[in-house]
């Protein structure tokens, strides 16, 4: 097997294929379903998108398949999914958006701003995947699905607070780093590594 073929196989692991589904299938489908007014199809595809977002990282860790390519692909898939959700929700759920726009705007900004700042500094999108970001994404997914299926929407406010905290941590990591890193864990870990390097 050639080096290029081995690289191809390392890139297209099961985990990365799950991530690619989110980027290439789920995100475009969400927008198409929203434009068509297909609420049920949108909700099921959104659930699939959130599930694969959780599953790809878990599969990668269990199979030892975490790669820099996978981390970057995951960041692109996250961005595409968030954009698709932001475009689709006002079309399908205008009342919910009107009632919960501060929380939704905070969540969107929390996912977008750190990426833009990281890109401005490093000329590429960051893929820190901190524990706080994972918690914020999970809380947002659960709160949003709960609200879209007719449950109380106040959980979105709690998710927004967690998302803002995660964004602040990501901005701090970008400020500390001189070169981009993937899967850093937390700002405390980055700070400790830098102190160790400087000692």
N, C-alpha and C. Protein backbone atom coordinates (compact mmCIF):
# COMPACT_ATOMS: atom_id res chain seq x y z
N UNK A 1 0.85 -1.19 0.00
CA UNK A 1 0.00 0.00 0.00
C UNK A 1 0.89 1.24 0.00
N UNK A 2 0.62 2.19 -0.88
CA UNK A 2 1.44 3.39 -0.98
C UNK A 2 1.18 4.33 0.19
N UNK A 3 2.12 5.30 0.36
CA UNK A 3 1.95 6.26 1.44
C UNK A 3 0.69 7.09 1.28
N UNK A 4 0.38 7.47 0.03
CA UNK A 4 -0.83 8.27 -0.22
C UNK A 4 -2.08 7.48 0.13
N UNK A 5 -2.08 6.18 -0.19
CA UNK A 5 -3.24 5.35 0.12
C UNK A 5 -3.41 5.18 1.62
N UNK A 6 -2.28 4.98 2.33
CA UNK A 6 -2.35 4.86 3.79
C UNK A 6 -2.87 6.14 4.42
N UNK A 7 -2.44 7.30 3.89
CA UNK A 7 -2.91 8.57 4.40
C UNK A 7 -4.41 8.71 4.17
N UNK A 8 -4.87 8.28 2.99
CA UNK A 8 -6.29 8.34 2.67
C UNK A 8 -7.09 7.50 3.67
N UNK A 9 -6.60 6.29 3.98
CA UNK A 9 -7.30 5.41 4.92
C UNK A 9 -7.30 6.01 6.32
N UNK A 10 -6.19 6.64 6.72
CA UNK A 10 -6.14 7.25 8.04
C UNK A 10 -7.11 8.42 8.14
N UNK A 11 -7.28 9.13 7.04
CA UNK A 11 -8.19 10.27 7.06
C UNK A 11 -9.64 9.82 7.12
N UNK A 12 -10.01 8.86 6.29
CA UNK A 12 -11.41 8.49 6.21
C UNK A 12 -11.71 7.31 7.12
N UNK A 13 -11.56 7.59 8.42
CA UNK A 13 -11.94 6.64 9.45
C UNK A 13 -13.45 6.69 9.62
N UNK A 14 -13.99 5.77 10.43
CA UNK A 14 -15.43 5.77 10.71
C UNK A 14 -15.83 7.10 11.34
N UNK A 15 -15.01 7.58 12.28
CA UNK A 15 -15.32 8.85 12.96
C UNK A 15 -15.37 10.00 11.97
N UNK A 16 -14.41 10.07 11.07
CA UNK A 16 -14.39 11.17 10.11
C UNK A 16 -15.52 11.07 9.09
N UNK A 17 -15.95 9.86 8.78
CA UNK A 17 -17.11 9.69 7.89
C UNK A 17 -18.39 10.20 8.56
N UNK A 18 -18.51 9.98 9.88
CA UNK A 18 -19.65 10.52 10.62
C UNK A 18 -19.63 12.04 10.59
N UNK A 19 -18.44 12.61 10.74
CA UNK A 19 -18.30 14.06 10.69
C UNK A 19 -18.65 14.59 9.29
N UNK A 20 -18.17 13.89 8.27
CA UNK A 20 -18.46 14.29 6.89
C UNK A 20 -19.96 14.24 6.60
N UNK A 21 -20.66 13.29 7.21
CA UNK A 21 -22.13 13.24 7.05
C UNK A 21 -22.76 14.53 7.54
N UNK A 22 -22.28 15.03 8.68
CA UNK A 22 -22.80 16.27 9.22
C UNK A 22 -22.55 17.45 8.29
N UNK A 23 -21.36 17.46 7.69
CA UNK A 23 -20.97 18.57 6.82
C UNK A 23 -21.66 18.50 5.46
N UNK A 24 -21.66 17.33 4.84
CA UNK A 24 -22.08 17.20 3.44
C UNK A 24 -23.53 16.80 3.25
N UNK A 25 -24.13 16.17 4.27
CA UNK A 25 -25.50 15.70 4.13
C UNK A 25 -26.45 16.46 5.06
N UNK A 26 -26.14 16.43 6.36
CA UNK A 26 -27.07 16.99 7.33
C UNK A 26 -27.26 18.49 7.17
N UNK A 27 -26.16 19.24 7.10
CA UNK A 27 -26.28 20.71 7.04
C UNK A 27 -27.07 21.17 5.81
N UNK A 28 -26.73 20.70 4.60
CA UNK A 28 -27.54 21.13 3.44
C UNK A 28 -29.01 20.67 3.54
N UNK A 29 -29.21 19.46 4.07
CA UNK A 29 -30.58 18.95 4.17
C UNK A 29 -31.42 19.78 5.12
N UNK A 30 -30.83 20.27 6.21
CA UNK A 30 -31.58 21.10 7.15
C UNK A 30 -32.13 22.34 6.46
N UNK A 31 -31.31 22.97 5.65
CA UNK A 31 -31.75 24.18 4.94
C UNK A 31 -32.82 23.84 3.91
N UNK A 32 -32.62 22.74 3.19
CA UNK A 32 -33.60 22.33 2.18
C UNK A 32 -34.94 22.02 2.83
N UNK A 33 -34.93 21.28 3.93
CA UNK A 33 -36.18 20.94 4.62
C UNK A 33 -36.87 22.19 5.16
N UNK A 34 -36.07 23.14 5.66
CA UNK A 34 -36.65 24.38 6.18
C UNK A 34 -37.30 25.18 5.06
N UNK A 35 -36.63 25.28 3.92
CA UNK A 35 -37.20 26.02 2.79
C UNK A 35 -38.48 25.36 2.29
N UNK A 36 -38.52 24.03 2.38
CA UNK A 36 -39.71 23.29 1.93
C UNK A 36 -40.82 23.29 2.98
N UNK A 37 -40.50 23.72 4.20
CA UNK A 37 -41.50 23.73 5.27
C UNK A 37 -41.74 22.37 5.90
N UNK A 38 -40.77 21.46 5.77
CA UNK A 38 -40.93 20.10 6.29
C UNK A 38 -40.38 20.02 7.71
N UNK A 39 -41.23 20.33 8.66
CA UNK A 39 -40.78 20.38 10.06
C UNK A 39 -40.29 19.03 10.58
N UNK A 40 -41.07 17.99 10.36
CA UNK A 40 -40.71 16.68 10.89
C UNK A 40 -39.38 16.19 10.31
N UNK A 41 -39.23 16.33 9.00
CA UNK A 41 -37.97 15.92 8.37
C UNK A 41 -36.81 16.73 8.93
N UNK A 42 -37.03 18.03 9.15
CA UNK A 42 -35.99 18.88 9.72
C UNK A 42 -35.60 18.40 11.11
N UNK A 43 -36.58 18.11 11.93
CA UNK A 43 -36.31 17.70 13.31
C UNK A 43 -35.53 16.38 13.36
N UNK A 44 -35.91 15.44 12.52
CA UNK A 44 -35.20 14.16 12.51
C UNK A 44 -33.78 14.32 11.99
N UNK A 45 -33.59 15.16 10.97
CA UNK A 45 -32.23 15.39 10.47
C UNK A 45 -31.40 16.16 11.50
N UNK A 46 -32.02 17.08 12.21
CA UNK A 46 -31.31 17.79 13.27
C UNK A 46 -30.87 16.83 14.36
N UNK A 47 -31.76 15.90 14.72
CA UNK A 47 -31.39 14.89 15.72
C UNK A 47 -30.22 14.04 15.22
N UNK A 48 -30.24 13.68 13.95
CA UNK A 48 -29.13 12.90 13.37
C UNK A 48 -27.84 13.69 13.38
N UNK A 49 -27.93 15.00 13.10
CA UNK A 49 -26.75 15.85 13.12
C UNK A 49 -26.15 15.93 14.51
N UNK A 50 -27.00 16.14 15.51
CA UNK A 50 -26.51 16.20 16.89
C UNK A 50 -25.93 14.86 17.33
N UNK A 51 -26.59 13.77 16.92
CA UNK A 51 -26.10 12.44 17.32
C UNK A 51 -24.72 12.16 16.72
N UNK A 52 -24.54 12.47 15.44
CA UNK A 52 -23.24 12.21 14.82
C UNK A 52 -22.17 13.14 15.38
N UNK A 53 -22.58 14.34 15.83
CA UNK A 53 -21.64 15.25 16.48
C UNK A 53 -21.10 14.63 17.76
N UNK A 54 -21.98 13.98 18.50
CA UNK A 54 -21.56 13.27 19.72
C UNK A 54 -20.79 12.00 19.38
N UNK A 55 -21.27 11.28 18.38
CA UNK A 55 -20.72 9.96 18.09
C UNK A 55 -19.34 10.01 17.48
N UNK A 56 -19.05 11.01 16.63
CA UNK A 56 -17.76 10.98 15.92
C UNK A 56 -16.58 11.08 16.89
N UNK A 57 -16.69 11.97 17.88
CA UNK A 57 -15.62 12.08 18.86
C UNK A 57 -15.47 10.84 19.71
N UNK A 58 -16.61 10.27 20.10
CA UNK A 58 -16.59 9.05 20.92
C UNK A 58 -15.96 7.90 20.15
N UNK A 59 -16.36 7.73 18.90
CA UNK A 59 -15.80 6.66 18.06
C UNK A 59 -14.30 6.87 17.86
N UNK A 60 -13.90 8.12 17.63
CA UNK A 60 -12.48 8.41 17.41
C UNK A 60 -11.65 8.04 18.63
N UNK A 61 -12.16 8.39 19.82
CA UNK A 61 -11.40 8.07 21.04
C UNK A 61 -11.35 6.56 21.28
N UNK A 62 -12.45 5.86 21.03
CA UNK A 62 -12.50 4.42 21.29
C UNK A 62 -11.63 3.63 20.32
N UNK A 63 -11.50 4.15 19.10
CA UNK A 63 -10.73 3.43 18.08
C UNK A 63 -9.32 3.96 17.91
N UNK A 64 -8.97 4.99 18.70
CA UNK A 64 -7.64 5.58 18.56
C UNK A 64 -7.48 6.30 17.24
N UNK A 65 -8.59 6.79 16.70
CA UNK A 65 -8.55 7.41 15.38
C UNK A 65 -8.59 8.92 15.39
N UNK A 66 -8.22 9.55 16.51
CA UNK A 66 -8.20 11.01 16.54
C UNK A 66 -7.04 11.54 15.69
N UNK A 67 -7.34 12.45 14.79
CA UNK A 67 -6.34 13.00 13.88
C UNK A 67 -6.51 14.51 13.78
N UNK A 68 -5.47 15.20 13.34
CA UNK A 68 -5.58 16.65 13.11
C UNK A 68 -6.60 16.92 12.02
N UNK A 69 -6.59 16.08 10.99
CA UNK A 69 -7.58 16.23 9.92
C UNK A 69 -9.00 16.10 10.47
N UNK A 70 -9.21 15.12 11.34
CA UNK A 70 -10.53 14.93 11.93
C UNK A 70 -10.97 16.11 12.76
N UNK A 71 -10.04 16.70 13.52
CA UNK A 71 -10.37 17.87 14.34
C UNK A 71 -10.77 19.04 13.46
N UNK A 72 -10.03 19.25 12.37
CA UNK A 72 -10.36 20.36 11.46
C UNK A 72 -11.69 20.10 10.76
N UNK A 73 -11.89 18.86 10.31
CA UNK A 73 -13.14 18.51 9.65
C UNK A 73 -14.32 18.72 10.59
N UNK A 74 -14.13 18.37 11.87
CA UNK A 74 -15.18 18.55 12.85
C UNK A 74 -15.52 20.03 13.02
N UNK A 75 -14.52 20.89 13.01
CA UNK A 75 -14.77 22.33 13.13
C UNK A 75 -15.56 22.85 11.93
N UNK A 76 -15.21 22.39 10.73
CA UNK A 76 -15.96 22.79 9.54
C UNK A 76 -17.39 22.28 9.60
N UNK A 77 -17.57 21.04 10.06
CA UNK A 77 -18.92 20.48 10.18
C UNK A 77 -19.74 21.23 11.21
N UNK A 78 -19.11 21.59 12.33
CA UNK A 78 -19.80 22.38 13.35
C UNK A 78 -20.27 23.72 12.76
N UNK A 79 -19.36 24.40 12.06
CA UNK A 79 -19.72 25.68 11.47
C UNK A 79 -20.87 25.58 10.48
N UNK A 80 -20.82 24.54 9.64
CA UNK A 80 -21.89 24.34 8.66
C UNK A 80 -23.22 24.04 9.35
N UNK A 81 -23.17 23.21 10.40
CA UNK A 81 -24.39 22.85 11.12
C UNK A 81 -24.99 24.07 11.81
N UNK A 82 -24.16 24.87 12.47
CA UNK A 82 -24.67 26.05 13.17
C UNK A 82 -25.26 27.06 12.19
N UNK A 83 -24.61 27.24 11.05
CA UNK A 83 -25.15 28.15 10.02
C UNK A 83 -26.49 27.65 9.51
N UNK A 84 -26.58 26.35 9.26
CA UNK A 84 -27.83 25.77 8.76
C UNK A 84 -28.95 25.93 9.78
N UNK A 85 -28.64 25.72 11.05
CA UNK A 85 -29.65 25.87 12.10
C UNK A 85 -30.08 27.32 12.20
N UNK A 86 -29.12 28.25 12.17
CA UNK A 86 -29.44 29.68 12.28
C UNK A 86 -30.33 30.15 11.13
N UNK A 87 -30.11 29.62 9.93
CA UNK A 87 -30.93 29.99 8.78
C UNK A 87 -32.31 29.34 8.85
N UNK A 88 -32.36 28.11 9.33
CA UNK A 88 -33.59 27.32 9.26
C UNK A 88 -34.61 27.64 10.35
N UNK A 89 -34.14 27.90 11.56
CA UNK A 89 -35.08 28.09 12.67
C UNK A 89 -36.08 29.23 12.45
N UNK A 90 -35.64 30.40 11.95
CA UNK A 90 -36.64 31.46 11.72
C UNK A 90 -37.69 31.08 10.67
N UNK A 91 -37.34 30.20 9.77
CA UNK A 91 -38.29 29.79 8.73
C UNK A 91 -39.33 28.82 9.28
N UNK A 92 -38.90 27.90 10.14
CA UNK A 92 -39.80 26.87 10.63
C UNK A 92 -40.40 27.16 12.00
N UNK A 93 -39.68 27.89 12.82
CA UNK A 93 -40.13 28.14 14.19
C UNK A 93 -40.01 29.63 14.54
N UNK A 94 -40.70 30.49 13.79
CA UNK A 94 -40.55 31.93 14.00
C UNK A 94 -40.97 32.39 15.39
N UNK A 95 -41.98 31.76 15.95
CA UNK A 95 -42.45 32.18 17.29
C UNK A 95 -41.40 31.88 18.35
N UNK A 96 -40.80 30.70 18.28
CA UNK A 96 -39.77 30.34 19.24
C UNK A 96 -38.58 31.29 19.13
N UNK A 97 -38.19 31.60 17.91
CA UNK A 97 -37.05 32.51 17.69
C UNK A 97 -37.38 33.90 18.23
N UNK A 98 -38.62 34.37 18.01
CA UNK A 98 -39.02 35.68 18.50
C UNK A 98 -38.99 35.75 20.03
N UNK A 99 -39.37 34.64 20.66
CA UNK A 99 -39.43 34.61 22.13
C UNK A 99 -38.06 34.41 22.76
N UNK A 100 -37.21 33.64 22.12
CA UNK A 100 -35.93 33.26 22.72
C UNK A 100 -34.72 33.83 21.97
N UNK A 101 -34.92 34.94 21.25
CA UNK A 101 -33.81 35.46 20.43
C UNK A 101 -32.59 35.86 21.24
N UNK A 102 -32.70 36.40 22.46
CA UNK A 102 -31.45 36.73 23.18
C UNK A 102 -30.58 35.51 23.46
N UNK A 103 -31.23 34.42 23.91
CA UNK A 103 -30.47 33.19 24.18
C UNK A 103 -29.90 32.61 22.90
N UNK A 104 -30.70 32.60 21.83
CA UNK A 104 -30.23 32.04 20.57
C UNK A 104 -29.09 32.88 19.98
N UNK A 105 -29.22 34.21 20.08
CA UNK A 105 -28.17 35.07 19.57
C UNK A 105 -26.87 34.87 20.36
N UNK A 106 -27.00 34.72 21.68
CA UNK A 106 -25.82 34.48 22.51
C UNK A 106 -25.14 33.16 22.14
N UNK A 107 -25.95 32.13 21.89
CA UNK A 107 -25.40 30.82 21.51
C UNK A 107 -24.68 30.91 20.17
N UNK A 108 -25.32 31.54 19.19
CA UNK A 108 -24.71 31.67 17.86
C UNK A 108 -23.41 32.46 17.95
N UNK A 109 -23.44 33.59 18.66
CA UNK A 109 -22.23 34.41 18.80
C UNK A 109 -21.12 33.64 19.51
N UNK A 110 -21.50 32.82 20.48
CA UNK A 110 -20.51 32.06 21.24
C UNK A 110 -19.81 31.02 20.38
N UNK A 111 -20.49 30.52 19.37
CA UNK A 111 -19.87 29.55 18.47
C UNK A 111 -19.12 30.23 17.33
N UNK A 112 -19.58 31.42 16.92
CA UNK A 112 -18.99 32.09 15.76
C UNK A 112 -17.78 32.93 16.13
N UNK A 113 -17.90 33.75 17.17
CA UNK A 113 -16.85 34.73 17.49
C UNK A 113 -15.49 34.08 17.76
N UNK A 114 -15.39 33.03 18.60
CA UNK A 114 -14.07 32.42 18.81
C UNK A 114 -13.44 31.89 17.53
N UNK A 115 -14.26 31.35 16.64
CA UNK A 115 -13.74 30.86 15.37
C UNK A 115 -13.20 31.97 14.50
N UNK A 116 -13.91 33.10 14.46
CA UNK A 116 -13.47 34.24 13.65
C UNK A 116 -12.18 34.83 14.22
N UNK A 117 -12.12 34.97 15.54
CA UNK A 117 -10.92 35.51 16.18
C UNK A 117 -9.72 34.58 15.96
N UNK A 118 -9.97 33.27 16.11
CA UNK A 118 -8.90 32.30 15.86
C UNK A 118 -8.41 32.34 14.43
N UNK A 119 -9.34 32.49 13.49
CA UNK A 119 -8.96 32.56 12.07
C UNK A 119 -8.16 33.82 11.80
N UNK A 120 -8.55 34.92 12.43
CA UNK A 120 -7.83 36.18 12.23
C UNK A 120 -6.39 36.07 12.73
N UNK A 121 -6.19 35.31 13.80
CA UNK A 121 -4.84 35.19 14.36
C UNK A 121 -4.00 34.13 13.65
N UNK A 122 -4.61 32.98 13.38
CA UNK A 122 -3.83 31.84 12.87
C UNK A 122 -4.05 31.58 11.38
N UNK A 123 -4.98 32.30 10.76
CA UNK A 123 -5.33 32.10 9.35
C UNK A 123 -5.92 30.71 9.08
N UNK A 124 -6.53 30.15 10.11
CA UNK A 124 -7.30 28.92 9.95
C UNK A 124 -8.23 28.81 11.15
N UNK A 125 -9.31 28.06 10.97
CA UNK A 125 -10.27 27.91 12.05
C UNK A 125 -9.69 27.02 13.14
N UNK A 126 -9.95 27.41 14.37
CA UNK A 126 -9.43 26.65 15.50
C UNK A 126 -10.27 25.39 15.74
N UNK A 127 -9.66 24.43 16.40
CA UNK A 127 -10.37 23.18 16.73
C UNK A 127 -9.93 22.72 18.12
N UNK A 128 -10.18 23.58 19.11
CA UNK A 128 -9.72 23.30 20.47
C UNK A 128 -10.49 22.13 21.11
N UNK A 129 -11.80 22.07 20.87
CA UNK A 129 -12.63 21.00 21.42
C UNK A 129 -12.43 20.85 22.92
N UNK A 130 -12.55 21.95 23.63
CA UNK A 130 -12.40 21.91 25.08
C UNK A 130 -13.56 21.17 25.73
N UNK A 131 -13.36 20.77 26.96
CA UNK A 131 -14.43 20.09 27.70
C UNK A 131 -15.62 21.01 27.88
N UNK A 132 -15.35 22.31 28.09
CA UNK A 132 -16.44 23.26 28.28
C UNK A 132 -17.24 23.45 27.00
N UNK A 133 -16.56 23.46 25.87
CA UNK A 133 -17.27 23.55 24.58
C UNK A 133 -18.14 22.32 24.37
N UNK A 134 -17.60 21.16 24.67
CA UNK A 134 -18.39 19.93 24.51
C UNK A 134 -19.63 19.96 25.39
N UNK A 135 -19.47 20.45 26.63
CA UNK A 135 -20.61 20.56 27.53
C UNK A 135 -21.63 21.56 27.00
N UNK A 136 -21.14 22.69 26.44
CA UNK A 136 -22.04 23.71 25.90
C UNK A 136 -22.80 23.19 24.69
N UNK A 137 -22.10 22.47 23.82
CA UNK A 137 -22.75 21.91 22.63
C UNK A 137 -23.81 20.89 23.04
N UNK A 138 -23.47 20.03 23.99
CA UNK A 138 -24.44 19.03 24.46
C UNK A 138 -25.66 19.68 25.09
N UNK A 139 -25.43 20.69 25.95
CA UNK A 139 -26.54 21.38 26.60
C UNK A 139 -27.42 22.10 25.58
N UNK A 140 -26.78 22.73 24.59
CA UNK A 140 -27.53 23.44 23.55
C UNK A 140 -28.36 22.47 22.72
N UNK A 141 -27.76 21.35 22.37
CA UNK A 141 -28.49 20.37 21.57
C UNK A 141 -29.72 19.85 22.32
N UNK A 142 -29.54 19.49 23.57
CA UNK A 142 -30.67 18.97 24.36
C UNK A 142 -31.74 20.04 24.57
N UNK A 143 -31.30 21.26 24.91
CA UNK A 143 -32.27 22.33 25.16
C UNK A 143 -33.03 22.70 23.89
N UNK A 144 -32.32 22.75 22.77
CA UNK A 144 -32.96 23.12 21.51
C UNK A 144 -33.95 22.04 21.06
N UNK A 145 -33.53 20.78 21.11
CA UNK A 145 -34.43 19.71 20.70
C UNK A 145 -35.66 19.67 21.61
N UNK A 146 -35.45 19.89 22.90
CA UNK A 146 -36.57 19.90 23.86
C UNK A 146 -37.56 21.01 23.48
N UNK A 147 -37.03 22.20 23.16
CA UNK A 147 -37.90 23.33 22.80
C UNK A 147 -38.61 23.10 21.48
N UNK A 148 -37.90 22.55 20.50
CA UNK A 148 -38.49 22.34 19.18
C UNK A 148 -39.57 21.27 19.19
N UNK A 149 -39.46 20.30 20.09
CA UNK A 149 -40.48 19.26 20.20
C UNK A 149 -41.63 19.70 21.11
N UNK A 150 -41.64 20.98 21.52
CA UNK A 150 -42.78 21.51 22.27
C UNK A 150 -42.56 21.67 23.75
N UNK A 151 -41.37 21.38 24.25
CA UNK A 151 -41.09 21.53 25.67
C UNK A 151 -40.80 22.97 26.03
N UNK A 152 -40.66 23.27 27.34
CA UNK A 152 -40.35 24.64 27.75
C UNK A 152 -38.99 25.09 27.23
N UNK A 153 -38.93 26.36 26.82
CA UNK A 153 -37.72 26.86 26.16
C UNK A 153 -36.73 27.51 27.12
N UNK A 154 -37.06 27.58 28.45
CA UNK A 154 -36.15 28.28 29.35
C UNK A 154 -34.81 27.60 29.49
N UNK A 155 -34.71 26.31 29.16
CA UNK A 155 -33.42 25.63 29.22
C UNK A 155 -32.42 26.24 28.23
N UNK A 156 -32.93 26.90 27.18
CA UNK A 156 -32.03 27.54 26.22
C UNK A 156 -31.21 28.64 26.88
N UNK A 157 -31.79 29.30 27.89
CA UNK A 157 -31.06 30.37 28.56
C UNK A 157 -29.88 29.81 29.35
N UNK A 158 -30.10 28.68 30.00
CA UNK A 158 -28.99 28.05 30.73
C UNK A 158 -27.91 27.58 29.76
N UNK A 159 -28.34 27.02 28.63
CA UNK A 159 -27.37 26.59 27.61
C UNK A 159 -26.59 27.78 27.07
N UNK A 160 -27.26 28.92 26.93
CA UNK A 160 -26.59 30.12 26.42
C UNK A 160 -25.51 30.59 27.38
N UNK A 161 -25.77 30.54 28.68
CA UNK A 161 -24.76 30.93 29.67
C UNK A 161 -23.53 30.02 29.58
N UNK A 162 -23.78 28.73 29.43
CA UNK A 162 -22.68 27.77 29.30
C UNK A 162 -21.90 28.02 28.01
N UNK A 163 -22.61 28.33 26.93
CA UNK A 163 -21.96 28.60 25.65
C UNK A 163 -21.09 29.86 25.72
N UNK A 164 -21.58 30.88 26.41
CA UNK A 164 -20.79 32.11 26.57
C UNK A 164 -19.52 31.83 27.37
N UNK A 165 -19.64 31.04 28.43
CA UNK A 165 -18.46 30.68 29.23
C UNK A 165 -17.45 29.92 28.37
N UNK A 166 -17.93 29.00 27.54
CA UNK A 166 -17.05 28.23 26.66
C UNK A 166 -16.36 29.13 25.66
N UNK A 167 -17.09 30.12 25.14
CA UNK A 167 -16.51 31.05 24.17
C UNK A 167 -15.41 31.89 24.81
N UNK A 168 -15.64 32.35 26.02
CA UNK A 168 -14.63 33.14 26.73
C UNK A 168 -13.36 32.31 26.93
N UNK A 169 -13.53 31.03 27.27
CA UNK A 169 -12.36 30.17 27.43
C UNK A 169 -11.62 29.99 26.11
N UNK A 170 -12.35 29.81 25.02
CA UNK A 170 -11.70 29.66 23.72
C UNK A 170 -10.93 30.91 23.32
N UNK A 171 -11.50 32.07 23.60
CA UNK A 171 -10.82 33.33 23.29
C UNK A 171 -9.53 33.46 24.11
N UNK A 172 -9.59 33.02 25.37
CA UNK A 172 -8.40 33.05 26.22
C UNK A 172 -7.32 32.11 25.68
N UNK A 173 -7.72 30.95 25.19
CA UNK A 173 -6.76 30.00 24.61
C UNK A 173 -6.10 30.61 23.37
N UNK A 174 -6.90 31.23 22.52
CA UNK A 174 -6.35 31.88 21.32
C UNK A 174 -5.35 32.97 21.71
N UNK A 175 -5.66 33.71 22.75
CA UNK A 175 -4.76 34.77 23.21
C UNK A 175 -3.44 34.19 23.73
N UNK A 176 -3.51 33.03 24.41
CA UNK A 176 -2.31 32.42 24.99
C UNK A 176 -1.42 31.76 23.94
N UNK A 177 -2.03 31.14 22.94
CA UNK A 177 -1.25 30.34 22.00
C UNK A 177 -0.52 31.20 20.97
N UNK A 178 0.67 30.74 20.60
CA UNK A 178 1.42 31.38 19.53
C UNK A 178 1.23 30.64 18.20
N UNK A 179 0.78 29.39 18.28
CA UNK A 179 0.49 28.58 17.09
C UNK A 179 -0.75 27.75 17.40
N UNK A 180 -1.56 27.44 16.40
CA UNK A 180 -2.80 26.71 16.65
C UNK A 180 -2.56 25.28 17.11
N UNK A 181 -3.42 24.82 18.01
CA UNK A 181 -3.39 23.44 18.49
C UNK A 181 -4.80 22.87 18.40
N UNK A 182 -4.89 21.55 18.35
CA UNK A 182 -6.19 20.87 18.33
C UNK A 182 -6.38 20.07 19.60
N UNK A 183 -7.65 19.96 20.02
CA UNK A 183 -8.01 19.12 21.16
C UNK A 183 -7.19 19.45 22.41
N UNK A 184 -7.28 20.70 22.85
CA UNK A 184 -6.42 21.15 23.95
C UNK A 184 -6.98 20.84 25.33
N UNK A 185 -8.26 20.57 25.45
CA UNK A 185 -8.83 20.22 26.74
C UNK A 185 -9.38 21.40 27.50
N UNK A 186 -8.51 22.34 27.90
CA UNK A 186 -8.96 23.50 28.66
C UNK A 186 -7.89 24.58 28.63
N UNK A 187 -8.29 25.79 29.01
CA UNK A 187 -7.35 26.90 29.06
C UNK A 187 -6.32 26.68 30.16
N UNK A 188 -6.72 26.02 31.23
CA UNK A 188 -5.78 25.73 32.34
C UNK A 188 -4.67 24.80 31.85
N UNK A 189 -5.04 23.82 31.05
CA UNK A 189 -4.04 22.90 30.52
C UNK A 189 -3.06 23.65 29.61
N UNK A 190 -3.57 24.54 28.77
CA UNK A 190 -2.70 25.33 27.89
C UNK A 190 -1.76 26.20 28.72
N UNK A 191 -2.30 26.86 29.73
CA UNK A 191 -1.50 27.74 30.58
C UNK A 191 -0.40 26.96 31.29
N UNK A 192 -0.74 25.78 31.80
CA UNK A 192 0.27 24.96 32.49
C UNK A 192 1.36 24.50 31.53
N UNK A 193 0.97 24.11 30.32
CA UNK A 193 1.96 23.69 29.34
C UNK A 193 2.90 24.83 28.98
N UNK A 194 2.35 26.01 28.87
CA UNK A 194 3.21 27.16 28.56
C UNK A 194 4.15 27.48 29.70
N UNK A 195 3.69 27.39 30.93
CA UNK A 195 4.56 27.63 32.08
C UNK A 195 5.67 26.59 32.15
N UNK A 196 5.30 25.35 31.84
CA UNK A 196 6.31 24.27 31.85
C UNK A 196 7.37 24.50 30.78
N UNK A 197 6.93 24.98 29.61
CA UNK A 197 7.85 25.23 28.51
C UNK A 197 8.79 26.40 28.82
N UNK A 198 8.23 27.39 29.53
CA UNK A 198 9.01 28.58 29.84
C UNK A 198 10.01 28.35 30.99
N UNK A 199 9.73 27.32 31.80
CA UNK A 199 10.59 27.07 32.98
C UNK A 199 11.95 26.53 32.57
